């Protein structure tokens, strides 16, 4: 992910174990469970969107992460 100046601000990693977790190496120090776990459906459609201030991850139209970047 790049910031408004074009420089890299972080990378998004997701792990799909029993509980889905995320890690943003330049923003978090460890793997963190998604605040909302996705639906149990086998087929999942993921949407990832980023603005200058927030990273939003959705699964099957359900918001599972809304991460606010620090200033």
N, C-alpha and C. Protein backbone atom coordinates (compact mmCIF):
# COMPACT_ATOMS: atom_id res chain seq x y z
N UNK A 1 0.84 -1.17 0.00
CA UNK A 1 0.00 0.00 0.00
C UNK A 1 0.89 1.23 0.00
N UNK A 2 0.49 2.21 -0.76
CA UNK A 2 1.24 3.45 -0.83
C UNK A 2 0.46 4.60 -0.21
N UNK A 3 1.19 5.54 0.39
CA UNK A 3 0.58 6.74 0.96
C UNK A 3 0.35 7.78 -0.11
N UNK A 4 -0.16 8.93 0.33
CA UNK A 4 -0.48 9.99 -0.64
C UNK A 4 0.75 10.55 -1.34
N UNK A 5 1.94 10.38 -0.73
CA UNK A 5 3.17 10.85 -1.37
C UNK A 5 3.78 9.80 -2.29
N UNK A 6 3.12 8.64 -2.40
CA UNK A 6 3.58 7.58 -3.29
C UNK A 6 4.51 6.58 -2.64
N UNK A 7 4.96 6.87 -1.41
CA UNK A 7 5.85 5.95 -0.71
C UNK A 7 5.06 4.81 -0.07
N UNK A 8 5.70 3.65 0.02
CA UNK A 8 5.03 2.50 0.62
C UNK A 8 4.80 2.75 2.11
N UNK A 9 3.56 2.48 2.57
CA UNK A 9 3.26 2.64 3.99
C UNK A 9 3.13 1.30 4.69
N UNK A 10 2.78 0.25 3.97
CA UNK A 10 2.70 -1.08 4.56
C UNK A 10 2.29 -2.09 3.50
N UNK A 11 2.21 -3.34 3.94
CA UNK A 11 1.74 -4.45 3.13
C UNK A 11 0.67 -5.15 3.95
N UNK A 12 -0.32 -5.74 3.28
CA UNK A 12 -1.39 -6.45 3.99
C UNK A 12 -1.16 -7.95 3.86
N UNK A 13 -1.15 -8.64 4.99
CA UNK A 13 -1.07 -10.09 5.01
C UNK A 13 -2.30 -10.63 5.72
N UNK A 14 -2.87 -11.70 5.20
CA UNK A 14 -3.99 -12.39 5.84
C UNK A 14 -3.62 -13.85 6.00
N UNK A 15 -3.99 -14.44 7.12
CA UNK A 15 -3.78 -15.87 7.33
C UNK A 15 -5.14 -16.52 7.56
N UNK A 16 -5.36 -17.62 6.88
CA UNK A 16 -6.66 -18.29 6.89
C UNK A 16 -6.58 -19.59 7.68
N UNK A 17 -6.50 -19.49 8.99
CA UNK A 17 -6.52 -20.66 9.86
C UNK A 17 -7.91 -20.75 10.47
N UNK A 18 -8.03 -21.29 11.66
CA UNK A 18 -9.34 -21.39 12.31
C UNK A 18 -9.98 -20.01 12.45
N UNK A 19 -9.16 -19.06 12.80
CA UNK A 19 -9.60 -17.67 12.92
C UNK A 19 -8.75 -16.85 11.95
N UNK A 20 -9.38 -16.06 11.12
CA UNK A 20 -8.62 -15.28 10.13
C UNK A 20 -7.98 -14.09 10.83
N UNK A 21 -6.68 -13.92 10.55
CA UNK A 21 -5.92 -12.83 11.17
C UNK A 21 -5.25 -11.99 10.09
N UNK A 22 -4.89 -10.75 10.45
CA UNK A 22 -4.19 -9.86 9.53
C UNK A 22 -2.94 -9.32 10.21
N UNK A 23 -2.03 -8.85 9.36
CA UNK A 23 -0.80 -8.21 9.85
C UNK A 23 -0.43 -7.12 8.86
N UNK A 24 -0.18 -5.94 9.37
CA UNK A 24 0.31 -4.81 8.58
C UNK A 24 1.68 -4.46 9.18
N UNK A 25 2.77 -5.01 8.62
CA UNK A 25 4.09 -4.91 9.25
C UNK A 25 4.53 -3.52 9.70
N UNK A 26 4.19 -2.50 8.96
CA UNK A 26 4.63 -1.15 9.36
C UNK A 26 3.60 -0.45 10.25
N UNK A 27 2.47 -1.15 10.53
CA UNK A 27 1.40 -0.54 11.33
C UNK A 27 1.07 -1.34 12.59
N UNK A 28 1.26 -2.65 12.55
CA UNK A 28 0.97 -3.50 13.71
C UNK A 28 2.20 -4.34 14.01
N UNK A 29 2.35 -4.74 15.26
CA UNK A 29 3.54 -5.50 15.64
C UNK A 29 3.34 -7.01 15.62
N UNK A 30 2.10 -7.45 15.42
CA UNK A 30 1.81 -8.88 15.44
C UNK A 30 0.55 -9.19 14.62
N UNK A 31 0.28 -10.48 14.46
CA UNK A 31 -0.95 -10.91 13.80
C UNK A 31 -2.13 -10.59 14.72
N UNK A 32 -3.20 -10.05 14.15
CA UNK A 32 -4.38 -9.67 14.92
C UNK A 32 -5.60 -10.32 14.28
N UNK A 33 -6.48 -10.87 15.11
CA UNK A 33 -7.72 -11.46 14.60
C UNK A 33 -8.60 -10.37 13.99
N UNK A 34 -9.22 -10.69 12.87
CA UNK A 34 -10.17 -9.74 12.29
C UNK A 34 -11.24 -9.45 13.33
N UNK A 35 -11.66 -8.19 13.49
CA UNK A 35 -12.69 -7.85 14.46
C UNK A 35 -14.01 -8.57 14.20
N UNK A 36 -14.29 -8.81 12.93
CA UNK A 36 -15.49 -9.55 12.52
C UNK A 36 -15.01 -10.71 11.67
N UNK A 37 -15.31 -11.93 12.08
CA UNK A 37 -14.93 -13.08 11.27
C UNK A 37 -15.93 -13.25 10.13
N UNK A 38 -15.45 -13.63 8.95
CA UNK A 38 -16.33 -13.75 7.78
C UNK A 38 -17.39 -14.83 7.96
N UNK A 39 -18.41 -14.77 7.11
CA UNK A 39 -19.46 -15.79 7.14
C UNK A 39 -18.87 -17.19 6.90
N UNK A 40 -19.58 -18.20 7.31
CA UNK A 40 -19.12 -19.58 7.18
C UNK A 40 -19.19 -20.13 5.76
N UNK A 41 -19.79 -19.41 4.85
CA UNK A 41 -19.91 -19.88 3.47
C UNK A 41 -18.55 -20.33 2.94
N UNK A 42 -18.57 -21.38 2.12
CA UNK A 42 -17.33 -21.89 1.54
C UNK A 42 -16.76 -20.90 0.53
N UNK A 43 -17.62 -20.35 -0.32
CA UNK A 43 -17.16 -19.38 -1.33
C UNK A 43 -17.16 -17.99 -0.70
N UNK A 44 -16.00 -17.35 -0.75
CA UNK A 44 -15.87 -16.02 -0.17
C UNK A 44 -15.36 -15.05 -1.24
N UNK A 45 -15.98 -13.90 -1.31
CA UNK A 45 -15.55 -12.84 -2.22
C UNK A 45 -15.00 -11.72 -1.36
N UNK A 46 -13.72 -11.43 -1.54
CA UNK A 46 -13.02 -10.43 -0.73
C UNK A 46 -12.89 -9.13 -1.51
N UNK A 47 -13.07 -8.03 -0.80
CA UNK A 47 -12.87 -6.70 -1.37
C UNK A 47 -11.95 -5.93 -0.43
N UNK A 48 -10.89 -5.37 -0.98
CA UNK A 48 -9.95 -4.58 -0.17
C UNK A 48 -9.88 -3.19 -0.78
N UNK A 49 -10.12 -2.18 0.07
CA UNK A 49 -10.10 -0.80 -0.40
C UNK A 49 -9.25 0.03 0.56
N UNK A 50 -8.53 1.01 0.01
CA UNK A 50 -7.69 1.89 0.83
C UNK A 50 -7.87 3.33 0.40
N UNK A 51 -8.01 4.20 1.38
CA UNK A 51 -7.98 5.62 1.13
C UNK A 51 -6.73 6.16 1.81
N UNK A 52 -6.58 7.47 1.89
CA UNK A 52 -5.43 8.06 2.58
C UNK A 52 -5.47 7.79 4.08
N UNK A 53 -6.66 7.51 4.62
CA UNK A 53 -6.79 7.40 6.08
C UNK A 53 -7.25 6.04 6.59
N UNK A 54 -7.72 5.16 5.72
CA UNK A 54 -8.32 3.91 6.20
C UNK A 54 -8.09 2.76 5.22
N UNK A 55 -8.00 1.55 5.78
CA UNK A 55 -7.98 0.31 5.00
C UNK A 55 -9.25 -0.45 5.38
N UNK A 56 -10.04 -0.82 4.39
CA UNK A 56 -11.28 -1.56 4.64
C UNK A 56 -11.21 -2.89 3.91
N UNK A 57 -11.47 -3.96 4.66
CA UNK A 57 -11.54 -5.30 4.07
C UNK A 57 -12.95 -5.82 4.28
N UNK A 58 -13.54 -6.30 3.19
CA UNK A 58 -14.89 -6.85 3.25
C UNK A 58 -14.88 -8.27 2.72
N UNK A 59 -15.78 -9.09 3.26
CA UNK A 59 -15.94 -10.46 2.80
C UNK A 59 -17.43 -10.72 2.62
N UNK A 60 -17.81 -11.07 1.40
CA UNK A 60 -19.22 -11.30 1.07
C UNK A 60 -20.09 -10.13 1.52
N UNK A 61 -19.63 -8.93 1.25
CA UNK A 61 -20.33 -7.67 1.55
C UNK A 61 -20.43 -7.35 3.04
N UNK A 62 -19.65 -8.04 3.88
CA UNK A 62 -19.62 -7.75 5.31
C UNK A 62 -18.26 -7.15 5.64
N UNK A 63 -18.25 -5.99 6.29
CA UNK A 63 -17.00 -5.36 6.67
C UNK A 63 -16.36 -6.15 7.81
N UNK A 64 -15.16 -6.67 7.58
CA UNK A 64 -14.47 -7.46 8.58
C UNK A 64 -13.29 -6.70 9.21
N UNK A 65 -12.86 -5.61 8.55
CA UNK A 65 -11.80 -4.77 9.11
C UNK A 65 -11.95 -3.35 8.60
N UNK A 66 -11.83 -2.40 9.52
CA UNK A 66 -11.80 -0.98 9.18
C UNK A 66 -10.63 -0.42 9.98
N UNK A 67 -9.46 -0.37 9.35
CA UNK A 67 -8.21 0.02 10.02
C UNK A 67 -7.90 1.47 9.72
N UNK A 68 -7.86 2.29 10.77
CA UNK A 68 -7.54 3.71 10.63
C UNK A 68 -6.02 3.89 10.73
N UNK A 69 -5.41 4.53 9.73
CA UNK A 69 -3.98 4.79 9.76
C UNK A 69 -3.70 5.94 10.73
N UNK A 70 -2.57 5.85 11.43
CA UNK A 70 -2.14 6.92 12.32
C UNK A 70 -1.59 8.07 11.48
N UNK A 71 -1.68 9.26 12.01
CA UNK A 71 -1.15 10.43 11.30
C UNK A 71 0.35 10.44 11.31
